[in-house]
Amino acid sequence: MKKIEQILIALAIIGIIILIPKTFTGKVTLEDKYSYTKAICDENNYCEDYVIECSGSSLARLTPTGFALQQEENWKDTRENENFCD
């Protein structure tokens, strides 16, 4: 009998978790807010990694991660200059 009660309690807990509305995450899961990292390089081939946070198509925040790399003198950045938040 005790095992049946434990199974029923476990099933009830799982059922409650499944049925709870997913709105408790607040604005974290809004589709128009996202972030990613990208290396931004200057004319001296010094590249620094940034966290780019977007809100829709607008740049919300640009934060350096602290990681950087000095590329060789003959290195060419083949990436196209693009907007951070499209």
N, C-alpha and C. Protein backbone atom coordinates (compact mmCIF):
# COMPACT_ATOMS: atom_id res chain seq x y z
N MET A 1 0.82 -1.20 0.00
CA MET A 1 0.00 0.00 0.00
C MET A 1 0.87 1.26 0.00
N LYS A 2 1.96 1.22 0.74
CA LYS A 2 2.83 2.38 0.83
C LYS A 2 3.45 2.72 -0.54
N LYS A 3 3.81 1.70 -1.30
CA LYS A 3 4.41 1.91 -2.61
C LYS A 3 3.41 2.57 -3.56
N ILE A 4 2.16 2.18 -3.50
CA ILE A 4 1.12 2.78 -4.34
C ILE A 4 0.96 4.25 -3.99
N GLU A 5 0.99 4.58 -2.71
CA GLU A 5 0.88 5.99 -2.29
C GLU A 5 2.05 6.81 -2.82
N GLN A 6 3.26 6.26 -2.76
CA GLN A 6 4.43 6.96 -3.27
C GLN A 6 4.33 7.20 -4.77
N ILE A 7 3.86 6.20 -5.49
CA ILE A 7 3.70 6.34 -6.94
C ILE A 7 2.65 7.39 -7.26
N LEU A 8 1.53 7.38 -6.54
CA LEU A 8 0.47 8.37 -6.77
C LEU A 8 0.95 9.78 -6.46
N ILE A 9 1.72 9.94 -5.38
CA ILE A 9 2.25 11.26 -5.04
C ILE A 9 3.22 11.73 -6.12
N ALA A 10 4.08 10.84 -6.59
CA ALA A 10 5.03 11.19 -7.65
C ALA A 10 4.29 11.59 -8.92
N LEU A 11 3.26 10.85 -9.29
CA LEU A 11 2.47 11.19 -10.48
C LEU A 11 1.75 12.52 -10.30
N ALA A 12 1.25 12.79 -9.11
CA ALA A 12 0.58 14.07 -8.84
C ALA A 12 1.56 15.22 -8.98
N ILE A 13 2.76 15.07 -8.47
CA ILE A 13 3.78 16.12 -8.57
C ILE A 13 4.15 16.35 -10.03
N ILE A 14 4.36 15.29 -10.77
CA ILE A 14 4.68 15.42 -12.20
C ILE A 14 3.54 16.09 -12.95
N GLY A 15 2.31 15.72 -12.64
CA GLY A 15 1.14 16.34 -13.28
C GLY A 15 1.06 17.82 -12.99
N ILE A 16 1.32 18.22 -11.76
CA ILE A 16 1.28 19.65 -11.40
C ILE A 16 2.36 20.41 -12.14
N ILE A 17 3.56 19.85 -12.20
CA ILE A 17 4.66 20.52 -12.91
C ILE A 17 4.32 20.71 -14.38
N ILE A 18 3.72 19.72 -14.99
CA ILE A 18 3.36 19.81 -16.40
C ILE A 18 2.26 20.84 -16.62
N LEU A 19 1.33 20.95 -15.70
CA LEU A 19 0.18 21.83 -15.88
C LEU A 19 0.43 23.28 -15.46
N ILE A 20 1.53 23.55 -14.75
CA ILE A 20 1.81 24.93 -14.33
C ILE A 20 2.02 25.79 -15.57
N PRO A 21 1.41 26.96 -15.61
CA PRO A 21 1.61 27.85 -16.76
C PRO A 21 3.09 28.22 -16.91
N LYS A 22 3.52 28.37 -18.12
CA LYS A 22 4.92 28.66 -18.40
C LYS A 22 5.25 30.15 -18.31
N THR A 23 4.39 30.95 -17.71
CA THR A 23 4.61 32.40 -17.63
C THR A 23 5.49 32.80 -16.47
N PHE A 24 5.90 31.87 -15.62
CA PHE A 24 6.69 32.24 -14.45
C PHE A 24 8.11 32.66 -14.80
N THR A 25 8.55 32.51 -16.05
CA THR A 25 9.90 32.92 -16.43
C THR A 25 10.00 34.41 -16.70
N GLY A 26 8.89 35.10 -16.70
CA GLY A 26 8.93 36.55 -16.92
C GLY A 26 9.32 36.89 -18.34
N LYS A 27 10.17 37.91 -18.49
CA LYS A 27 10.55 38.39 -19.81
C LYS A 27 11.76 37.68 -20.39
N VAL A 28 12.27 36.71 -19.68
CA VAL A 28 13.46 36.01 -20.15
C VAL A 28 13.22 35.30 -21.47
N THR A 29 12.03 34.80 -21.69
CA THR A 29 11.76 34.01 -22.88
C THR A 29 11.07 34.79 -23.99
N LEU A 30 11.00 36.10 -23.90
CA LEU A 30 10.39 36.87 -24.99
C LEU A 30 11.19 36.66 -26.26
N GLU A 31 10.49 36.50 -27.36
CA GLU A 31 11.15 36.20 -28.62
C GLU A 31 12.03 37.33 -29.13
N ASP A 32 11.71 38.57 -28.81
CA ASP A 32 12.47 39.68 -29.36
C ASP A 32 13.70 40.04 -28.53
N LYS A 33 13.97 39.31 -27.46
CA LYS A 33 15.16 39.55 -26.65
C LYS A 33 16.08 38.34 -26.78
N TYR A 34 17.32 38.59 -27.22
CA TYR A 34 18.27 37.50 -27.37
C TYR A 34 19.68 38.03 -27.22
N SER A 35 20.63 37.13 -27.02
CA SER A 35 22.03 37.54 -26.90
C SER A 35 22.92 36.48 -27.54
N TYR A 36 24.11 36.91 -27.90
CA TYR A 36 25.11 36.00 -28.47
C TYR A 36 26.48 36.64 -28.28
N THR A 37 27.54 35.88 -28.53
CA THR A 37 28.89 36.44 -28.44
C THR A 37 29.47 36.58 -29.84
N LYS A 38 30.33 37.58 -29.98
CA LYS A 38 30.96 37.83 -31.27
C LYS A 38 32.29 38.52 -31.04
N ALA A 39 33.29 38.14 -31.82
CA ALA A 39 34.58 38.82 -31.78
C ALA A 39 34.49 40.05 -32.67
N ILE A 40 34.90 41.18 -32.13
CA ILE A 40 34.93 42.44 -32.88
C ILE A 40 36.40 42.83 -33.02
N CYS A 41 36.83 43.02 -34.27
CA CYS A 41 38.24 43.28 -34.56
C CYS A 41 38.44 44.72 -35.02
N ASP A 42 39.59 45.30 -34.62
CA ASP A 42 39.90 46.67 -35.05
C ASP A 42 40.87 46.63 -36.23
N GLU A 43 41.33 47.80 -36.66
CA GLU A 43 42.21 47.91 -37.82
C GLU A 43 43.59 47.30 -37.58
N ASN A 44 43.96 47.06 -36.32
CA ASN A 44 45.25 46.45 -35.98
C ASN A 44 45.15 44.94 -35.76
N ASN A 45 44.04 44.34 -36.19
CA ASN A 45 43.77 42.91 -36.05
C ASN A 45 43.70 42.46 -34.60
N TYR A 46 43.34 43.37 -33.71
CA TYR A 46 43.11 43.03 -32.31
C TYR A 46 41.62 42.72 -32.19
N CYS A 47 41.31 41.48 -31.81
CA CYS A 47 39.92 41.03 -31.75
C CYS A 47 39.53 40.78 -30.29
N GLU A 48 38.41 41.34 -29.90
CA GLU A 48 37.91 41.17 -28.54
C GLU A 48 36.50 40.59 -28.61
N ASP A 49 36.23 39.65 -27.71
CA ASP A 49 34.93 38.98 -27.69
C ASP A 49 33.94 39.81 -26.86
N TYR A 50 32.73 39.97 -27.38
CA TYR A 50 31.68 40.73 -26.71
C TYR A 50 30.41 39.90 -26.60
N VAL A 51 29.65 40.15 -25.54
CA VAL A 51 28.29 39.64 -25.44
C VAL A 51 27.40 40.72 -26.02
N ILE A 52 26.64 40.37 -27.03
CA ILE A 52 25.76 41.32 -27.71
C ILE A 52 24.33 40.98 -27.32
N GLU A 53 23.65 41.93 -26.68
CA GLU A 53 22.27 41.72 -26.25
C GLU A 53 21.37 42.58 -27.12
N CYS A 54 20.36 41.95 -27.70
CA CYS A 54 19.45 42.63 -28.62
C CYS A 54 18.03 42.63 -28.07
N SER A 55 17.33 43.69 -28.40
CA SER A 55 15.91 43.79 -28.12
C SER A 55 15.25 44.10 -29.45
N GLY A 56 14.69 43.08 -30.07
CA GLY A 56 14.18 43.26 -31.42
C GLY A 56 15.34 43.48 -32.36
N SER A 57 15.30 44.56 -33.13
CA SER A 57 16.40 44.87 -34.04
C SER A 57 17.30 45.97 -33.48
N SER A 58 17.16 46.28 -32.19
CA SER A 58 17.97 47.32 -31.55
C SER A 58 19.01 46.70 -30.62
N LEU A 59 20.18 47.30 -30.60
CA LEU A 59 21.24 46.87 -29.71
C LEU A 59 20.92 47.35 -28.31
N ALA A 60 20.76 46.43 -27.36
CA ALA A 60 20.44 46.78 -25.99
C ALA A 60 21.71 46.98 -25.16
N ARG A 61 22.70 46.10 -25.36
CA ARG A 61 23.93 46.20 -24.56
C ARG A 61 25.06 45.48 -25.28
N LEU A 62 26.25 46.02 -25.15
CA LEU A 62 27.47 45.44 -25.71
C LEU A 62 28.47 45.34 -24.56
N THR A 63 28.77 44.11 -24.12
CA THR A 63 29.60 43.91 -22.94
C THR A 63 30.82 43.07 -23.29
N PRO A 64 32.03 43.58 -23.02
CA PRO A 64 33.22 42.77 -23.29
C PRO A 64 33.29 41.57 -22.34
N THR A 65 33.73 40.42 -22.87
CA THR A 65 33.83 39.22 -22.04
C THR A 65 35.17 39.14 -21.32
N GLY A 66 36.16 39.88 -21.82
CA GLY A 66 37.50 39.81 -21.25
C GLY A 66 38.43 38.93 -22.06
N PHE A 67 37.91 38.26 -23.07
CA PHE A 67 38.74 37.43 -23.94
C PHE A 67 39.13 38.23 -25.17
N ALA A 68 40.41 38.19 -25.53
CA ALA A 68 40.90 38.94 -26.68
C ALA A 68 42.02 38.16 -27.35
N LEU A 69 42.29 38.53 -28.60
CA LEU A 69 43.30 37.85 -29.39
C LEU A 69 43.92 38.84 -30.36
N GLN A 70 45.23 38.85 -30.44
CA GLN A 70 45.93 39.66 -31.43
C GLN A 70 46.24 38.75 -32.61
N GLN A 71 45.60 39.02 -33.75
CA GLN A 71 45.84 38.22 -34.95
C GLN A 71 47.15 38.64 -35.61
N GLU A 72 47.65 37.79 -36.49
CA GLU A 72 48.88 38.09 -37.22
C GLU A 72 48.68 39.31 -38.10
N GLU A 73 49.79 39.94 -38.48
CA GLU A 73 49.74 41.18 -39.26
C GLU A 73 49.07 41.00 -40.62
N ASN A 74 49.28 39.85 -41.26
CA ASN A 74 48.70 39.62 -42.59
C ASN A 74 47.31 38.99 -42.54
N TRP A 75 46.73 38.85 -41.36
CA TRP A 75 45.39 38.26 -41.20
C TRP A 75 44.32 39.21 -41.73
N LYS A 76 43.35 38.66 -42.44
CA LYS A 76 42.23 39.45 -42.96
C LYS A 76 40.93 38.89 -42.39
N ASP A 77 40.11 39.77 -41.88
CA ASP A 77 38.79 39.39 -41.37
C ASP A 77 37.86 39.24 -42.57
N THR A 78 37.44 38.02 -42.86
CA THR A 78 36.62 37.77 -44.05
C THR A 78 35.13 37.96 -43.80
N ARG A 79 34.78 38.24 -42.54
CA ARG A 79 33.36 38.45 -42.24
C ARG A 79 32.92 39.81 -42.78
N GLU A 80 31.69 39.86 -43.21
CA GLU A 80 31.13 41.13 -43.68
C GLU A 80 30.72 41.98 -42.49
N ASN A 81 30.83 43.29 -42.65
CA ASN A 81 30.33 44.18 -41.60
C ASN A 81 28.82 44.09 -41.60
N GLU A 82 28.29 43.66 -40.50
CA GLU A 82 26.84 43.47 -40.42
C GLU A 82 26.31 44.16 -39.18
N ASN A 83 25.03 44.38 -39.16
CA ASN A 83 24.40 44.92 -37.96
C ASN A 83 24.43 43.87 -36.87
N PHE A 84 24.56 44.32 -35.64
CA PHE A 84 24.58 43.37 -34.53
C PHE A 84 23.23 42.70 -34.35
N CYS A 85 22.16 43.45 -34.51
CA CYS A 85 20.81 42.92 -34.27
C CYS A 85 19.97 43.12 -35.53
N ASP A 86 19.75 42.03 -36.25
CA ASP A 86 18.94 42.13 -37.49
C ASP A 86 17.51 41.78 -37.22
